[in-house]
Amino acid sequence: MTRPAFDQDHWKGRLREAGLRVTGARLDVVRTLHDSPLPMTAQDILDEVAKLGPTDRVTVYRTLNSLVELGIAHRVDPGDRTWRFGLLAKDHHQHAHFVCDDCGSIRCLDEALITVSMKGRAASDRFKVKQQDVYLHGTCEACLELPPRSATKKKRPQTR
């Protein structure tokens, strides 16, 4: 399945709807996220945006934070203390993520159905859930196809 081309007018509209000014830096960050099939680290985003022209690290980080706060992007922590970022569709729903413990890649599991139920009404009356994060850990298809590692070898490098 091929990814749709980056629609700059669509994303300009999304930024305006969210109350953000449309700037070159914001569009570069959105384009970078759009073009990546997997959530990216802030450093990876910064590296890619820098290829498009001069960029400021603080601007990229502020842009990522704004996109997350306004629901245009999401931030994922697979447990390695490194945030990854990805764009959200306008009709986004909460979904699980698969984390490959060998290469570190993360995939959105948009079609996964995971149910959490609370026993008894009293438990749900004591809090309101604002965010849910579900991470399934294992080995991705690409890593399964590689020869087995010996116990002394280091992790395979992360690929996207």
C-alpha atoms as a PDB file:
ATOM      1  CA  MET A   1       0.000   0.000   0.000  1.00  0.00           C
ATOM      2  CA  THR A   2       1.492   3.331  -1.042  1.00  0.00           C
ATOM      3  CA  ARG A   3       1.274   6.373   1.172  1.00  0.00           C
ATOM      4  CA  PRO A   4      -0.709   9.315  -0.144  1.00  0.00           C
ATOM      5  CA  ALA A   5       1.334  12.308  -1.243  1.00  0.00           C
ATOM      6  CA  PHE A   6       1.779  15.152   1.212  1.00  0.00           C
ATOM      7  CA  ASP A   7      -1.153  17.549   0.735  1.00  0.00           C
ATOM      8  CA  GLN A   8       0.215  20.896   1.862  1.00  0.00           C
ATOM      9  CA  ASP A   9      -3.173  22.655   1.612  1.00  0.00           C
ATOM     10  CA  HIS A  10      -4.787  20.003   3.812  1.00  0.00           C
ATOM     11  CA  TRP A  11      -2.130  20.384   6.494  1.00  0.00           C
ATOM     12  CA  LYS A  12      -2.214  24.177   6.311  1.00  0.00           C
ATOM     13  CA  GLY A  13      -5.930  23.899   7.014  1.00  0.00           C
ATOM     14  CA  ARG A  14      -5.372  21.500   9.919  1.00  0.00           C
ATOM     15  CA  LEU A  15      -2.825  23.876  11.469  1.00  0.00           C
ATOM     16  CA  ARG A  16      -5.174  26.866  11.077  1.00  0.00           C
ATOM     17  CA  GLU A  17      -8.140  24.902  12.497  1.00  0.00           C
ATOM     18  CA  ALA A  18      -6.015  24.124  15.552  1.00  0.00           C
ATOM     19  CA  GLY A  19      -5.243  27.827  15.997  1.00  0.00           C
ATOM     20  CA  LEU A  20      -1.630  27.665  14.829  1.00  0.00           C
ATOM     21  CA  ARG A  21       0.005  30.019  12.380  1.00  0.00           C
ATOM     22  CA  VAL A  22       1.228  28.270   9.269  1.00  0.00           C
ATOM     23  CA  THR A  23       5.001  28.597   9.147  1.00  0.00           C
ATOM     24  CA  GLY A  24       7.651  26.941   7.034  1.00  0.00           C
ATOM     25  CA  ALA A  25       9.116  25.221  10.091  1.00  0.00           C
ATOM     26  CA  ARG A  26       5.742  23.757  11.111  1.00  0.00           C
ATOM     27  CA  LEU A  27       5.067  22.531   7.597  1.00  0.00           C
ATOM     28  CA  ASP A  28       8.544  20.965   7.434  1.00  0.00           C
ATOM     29  CA  VAL A  29       7.899  19.068  10.681  1.00  0.00           C
ATOM     30  CA  VAL A  30       4.441  17.932   9.514  1.00  0.00           C
ATOM     31  CA  ARG A  31       5.833  16.881   6.111  1.00  0.00           C
ATOM     32  CA  THR A  32       8.608  14.896   7.816  1.00  0.00           C
ATOM     33  CA  LEU A  33       6.113  13.114  10.068  1.00  0.00           C
ATOM     34  CA  HIS A  34       3.785  12.483   7.130  1.00  0.00           C
ATOM     35  CA  ASP A  35       6.530  10.935   5.020  1.00  0.00           C
ATOM     36  CA  SER A  36       7.646   8.523   7.742  1.00  0.00           C
ATOM     37  CA  PRO A  37       5.875   5.154   7.915  1.00  0.00           C
ATOM     38  CA  LEU A  38       6.855   4.837  11.607  1.00  0.00           C
ATOM     39  CA  PRO A  39       6.824   7.219  14.578  1.00  0.00           C
ATOM     40  CA  MET A  40      10.111   9.154  14.722  1.00  0.00           C
ATOM     41  CA  THR A  41      12.310  10.402  17.543  1.00  0.00           C
ATOM     42  CA  ALA A  42      12.681  14.157  17.929  1.00  0.00           C
ATOM     43  CA  GLN A  43      16.324  13.843  16.850  1.00  0.00           C
ATOM     44  CA  ASP A  44      15.343  11.941  13.694  1.00  0.00           C
ATOM     45  CA  ILE A  45      12.777  14.646  12.920  1.00  0.00           C
ATOM     46  CA  LEU A  46      15.342  17.365  13.523  1.00  0.00           C
ATOM     47  CA  ASP A  47      17.824  15.612  11.216  1.00  0.00           C
ATOM     48  CA  GLU A  48      15.248  15.276   8.423  1.00  0.00           C
ATOM     49  CA  VAL A  49      13.974  18.863   8.773  1.00  0.00           C
ATOM     50  CA  ALA A  50      17.572  20.125   8.648  1.00  0.00           C
ATOM     51  CA  LYS A  51      17.891  18.544   5.181  1.00  0.00           C
ATOM     52  CA  LEU A  52      15.087  20.845   3.992  1.00  0.00           C
ATOM     53  CA  GLY A  53      16.914  23.990   5.046  1.00  0.00           C
ATOM     54  CA  PRO A  54      18.238  25.879   8.065  1.00  0.00           C
ATOM     55  CA  THR A  55      16.355  24.910  11.210  1.00  0.00           C
ATOM     56  CA  ASP A  56      16.345  25.634  14.888  1.00  0.00           C
ATOM     57  CA  ARG A  57      16.247  22.785  17.414  1.00  0.00           C
ATOM     58  CA  VAL A  58      14.011  24.725  19.814  1.00  0.00           C
ATOM     59  CA  THR A  59      11.517  25.494  17.048  1.00  0.00           C
ATOM     60  CA  VAL A  60      11.262  21.823  16.114  1.00  0.00           C
ATOM     61  CA  TYR A  61      10.712  20.780  19.754  1.00  0.00           C
ATOM     62  CA  ARG A  62       8.124  23.529  20.314  1.00  0.00           C
ATOM     63  CA  THR A  63       6.363  22.554  17.107  1.00  0.00           C
ATOM     64  CA  LEU A  64       6.221  18.904  18.185  1.00  0.00           C
ATOM     65  CA  ASN A  65       4.807  19.882  21.592  1.00  0.00           C
ATOM     66  CA  SER A  66       2.179  22.121  19.970  1.00  0.00           C
ATOM     67  CA  LEU A  67       1.160  19.407  17.510  1.00  0.00           C
ATOM     68  CA  VAL A  68       0.743  16.911  20.364  1.00  0.00           C
ATOM     69  CA  GLU A  69      -1.177  19.338  22.607  1.00  0.00           C
ATOM     70  CA  LEU A  70      -3.591  20.170  19.779  1.00  0.00           C
ATOM     71  CA  GLY A  71      -4.184  16.562  18.713  1.00  0.00           C
ATOM     72  CA  ILE A  72      -2.443  16.804  15.340  1.00  0.00           C
ATOM     73  CA  ALA A  73       0.335  14.418  16.394  1.00  0.00           C
ATOM     74  CA  HIS A  74       0.826  11.878  19.121  1.00  0.00           C
ATOM     75  CA  ARG A  75       3.798  11.105  21.318  1.00  0.00           C
ATOM     76  CA  VAL A  76       4.699   7.492  22.042  1.00  0.00           C
ATOM     77  CA  ASP A  77       7.045   6.158  24.722  1.00  0.00           C
ATOM     78  CA  PRO A  78       7.812   2.497  24.060  1.00  0.00           C
ATOM     79  CA  GLY A  79       9.643   2.161  27.373  1.00  0.00           C
ATOM     80  CA  ASP A  80      13.140   3.230  26.361  1.00  0.00           C
ATOM     81  CA  ARG A  81      12.732   6.827  27.599  1.00  0.00           C
ATOM     82  CA  THR A  82      12.839   8.185  24.051  1.00  0.00           C
ATOM     83  CA  TRP A  83       9.648   9.803  22.768  1.00  0.00           C
ATOM     84  CA  ARG A  84       8.556   9.031  19.217  1.00  0.00           C
ATOM     85  CA  PHE A  85       6.121  11.221  17.286  1.00  0.00           C
ATOM     86  CA  GLY A  86       3.606  10.494  14.553  1.00  0.00           C
ATOM     87  CA  LEU A  87       0.793  12.357  12.834  1.00  0.00           C
ATOM     88  CA  LEU A  88      -2.822  11.697  13.708  1.00  0.00           C
ATOM     89  CA  ALA A  89      -5.662  11.537  11.255  1.00  0.00           C
ATOM     90  CA  LYS A  90      -8.454  14.010  11.861  1.00  0.00           C
ATOM     91  CA  ASP A  91     -10.718  11.153  12.970  1.00  0.00           C
ATOM     92  CA  HIS A  92      -8.024   9.636  15.209  1.00  0.00           C
ATOM     93  CA  HIS A  93      -8.943   7.058  17.807  1.00  0.00           C
ATOM     94  CA  GLN A  94      -6.835   5.594  20.587  1.00  0.00           C
ATOM     95  CA  HIS A  95      -4.938   2.534  19.429  1.00  0.00           C
ATOM     96  CA  ALA A  96      -2.267   0.108  20.548  1.00  0.00           C
ATOM     97  CA  HIS A  97       1.363   0.102  19.403  1.00  0.00           C
ATOM     98  CA  PHE A  98       3.685  -2.801  18.637  1.00  0.00           C
ATOM     99  CA  VAL A  99       7.301  -2.358  19.791  1.00  0.00           C
ATOM    100  CA  CYS A 100      10.000  -4.593  18.354  1.00  0.00           C
ATOM    101  CA  ASP A 101      12.367  -5.402  21.198  1.00  0.00           C
ATOM    102  CA  ASP A 102      15.136  -6.277  18.707  1.00  0.00           C
ATOM    103  CA  CYS A 103      15.297  -3.239  16.401  1.00  0.00           C
ATOM    104  CA  GLY A 104      13.211  -0.742  18.399  1.00  0.00           C
ATOM    105  CA  SER A 105      10.730   0.006  15.606  1.00  0.00           C
ATOM    106  CA  ILE A 106       7.205   0.996  16.587  1.00  0.00           C
ATOM    107  CA  ARG A 107       4.083   0.370  14.553  1.00  0.00           C
ATOM    108  CA  CYS A 108       0.597   1.694  15.127  1.00  0.00           C
ATOM    109  CA  LEU A 109      -1.949  -1.096  15.430  1.00  0.00           C
ATOM    110  CA  ASP A 110      -4.954   0.867  14.195  1.00  0.00           C
ATOM    111  CA  GLU A 111      -7.050  -2.234  13.618  1.00  0.00           C
ATOM    112  CA  ALA A 112      -6.316  -3.949  16.948  1.00  0.00           C
ATOM    113  CA  LEU A 113      -9.236  -4.314  19.336  1.00  0.00           C
ATOM    114  CA  ILE A 114      -8.143  -4.385  22.956  1.00  0.00           C
ATOM    115  CA  THR A 115     -10.772  -4.245  25.659  1.00  0.00           C
ATOM    116  CA  VAL A 116     -10.220  -3.129  29.233  1.00  0.00           C
ATOM    117  CA  SER A 117     -13.072  -3.499  31.668  1.00  0.00           C
ATOM    118  CA  MET A 118     -13.456  -2.303  35.218  1.00  0.00           C
ATOM    119  CA  LYS A 119     -15.029  -4.573  37.795  1.00  0.00           C
ATOM    120  CA  GLY A 120     -17.659  -2.718  39.734  1.00  0.00           C
ATOM    121  CA  ARG A 121     -18.924   0.795  39.243  1.00  0.00           C
ATOM    122  CA  ALA A 122     -17.058   2.258  42.218  1.00  0.00           C
ATOM    123  CA  ALA A 123     -13.656   1.874  40.551  1.00  0.00           C
ATOM    124  CA  SER A 124     -14.646   3.953  37.522  1.00  0.00           C
ATOM    125  CA  ASP A 125     -16.254   6.673  39.654  1.00  0.00           C
ATOM    126  CA  ARG A 126     -12.933   7.604  41.261  1.00  0.00           C
ATOM    127  CA  PHE A 127     -11.114   8.807  38.147  1.00  0.00           C
ATOM    128  CA  LYS A 128     -11.500   9.937  34.559  1.00  0.00           C
ATOM    129  CA  VAL A 129      -9.257   8.429  31.891  1.00  0.00           C
ATOM    130  CA  LYS A 130      -7.748  11.086  29.602  1.00  0.00           C
ATOM    131  CA  GLN A 131      -5.254   8.915  27.767  1.00  0.00           C
ATOM    132  CA  GLN A 132      -4.630   5.247  27.320  1.00  0.00           C
ATOM    133  CA  ASP A 133      -1.363   3.709  26.195  1.00  0.00           C
ATOM    134  CA  VAL A 134      -1.098   0.072  25.175  1.00  0.00           C
ATOM    135  CA  TYR A 135       2.254  -1.310  24.013  1.00  0.00           C
ATOM    136  CA  LEU A 136       2.672  -4.851  22.788  1.00  0.00           C
ATOM    137  CA  HIS A 137       6.320  -5.969  22.799  1.00  0.00           C
ATOM    138  CA  GLY A 138       7.831  -8.696  20.662  1.00  0.00           C
ATOM    139  CA  THR A 139       9.791  -9.239  17.460  1.00  0.00           C
ATOM    140  CA  CYS A 140       8.783  -7.649  14.159  1.00  0.00           C
ATOM    141  CA  GLU A 141       8.577  -9.557  10.875  1.00  0.00           C
ATOM    142  CA  ALA A 142      11.835  -8.085   9.559  1.00  0.00           C
ATOM    143  CA  CYS A 143      13.764  -9.191  12.656  1.00  0.00           C
ATOM    144  CA  LEU A 144      12.191 -12.642  12.603  1.00  0.00           C
ATOM    145  CA  GLU A 145      13.669 -13.134   9.132  1.00  0.00           C
ATOM    146  CA  LEU A 146      17.218 -12.330  10.320  1.00  0.00           C
ATOM    147  CA  PRO A 147      19.528 -15.085  11.588  1.00  0.00           C
ATOM    148  CA  PRO A 148      19.375 -15.594  15.370  1.00  0.00           C
ATOM    149  CA  ARG A 149      21.672 -13.433  17.475  1.00  0.00           C
ATOM    150  CA  SER A 150      24.100 -14.947  19.910  1.00  0.00           C
ATOM    151  CA  ALA A 151      23.610 -13.981  23.532  1.00  0.00           C
ATOM    152  CA  THR A 152      26.772 -11.841  23.457  1.00  0.00           C
ATOM    153  CA  LYS A 153      25.836  -9.675  20.468  1.00  0.00           C
ATOM    154  CA  LYS A 154      24.331  -6.237  20.942  1.00  0.00           C
ATOM    155  CA  LYS A 155      20.907  -5.169  19.742  1.00  0.00           C
ATOM    156  CA  ARG A 156      20.467  -4.798  16.031  1.00  0.00           C
ATOM    157  CA  PRO A 157      20.423  -1.181  14.904  1.00  0.00           C
ATOM    158  CA  GLN A 158      17.002   0.418  14.654  1.00  0.00           C
ATOM    159  CA  THR A 159      15.667   0.661  11.119  1.00  0.00           C
ATOM    160  CA  ARG A 160      12.744   2.511   9.731  1.00  0.00           C
END
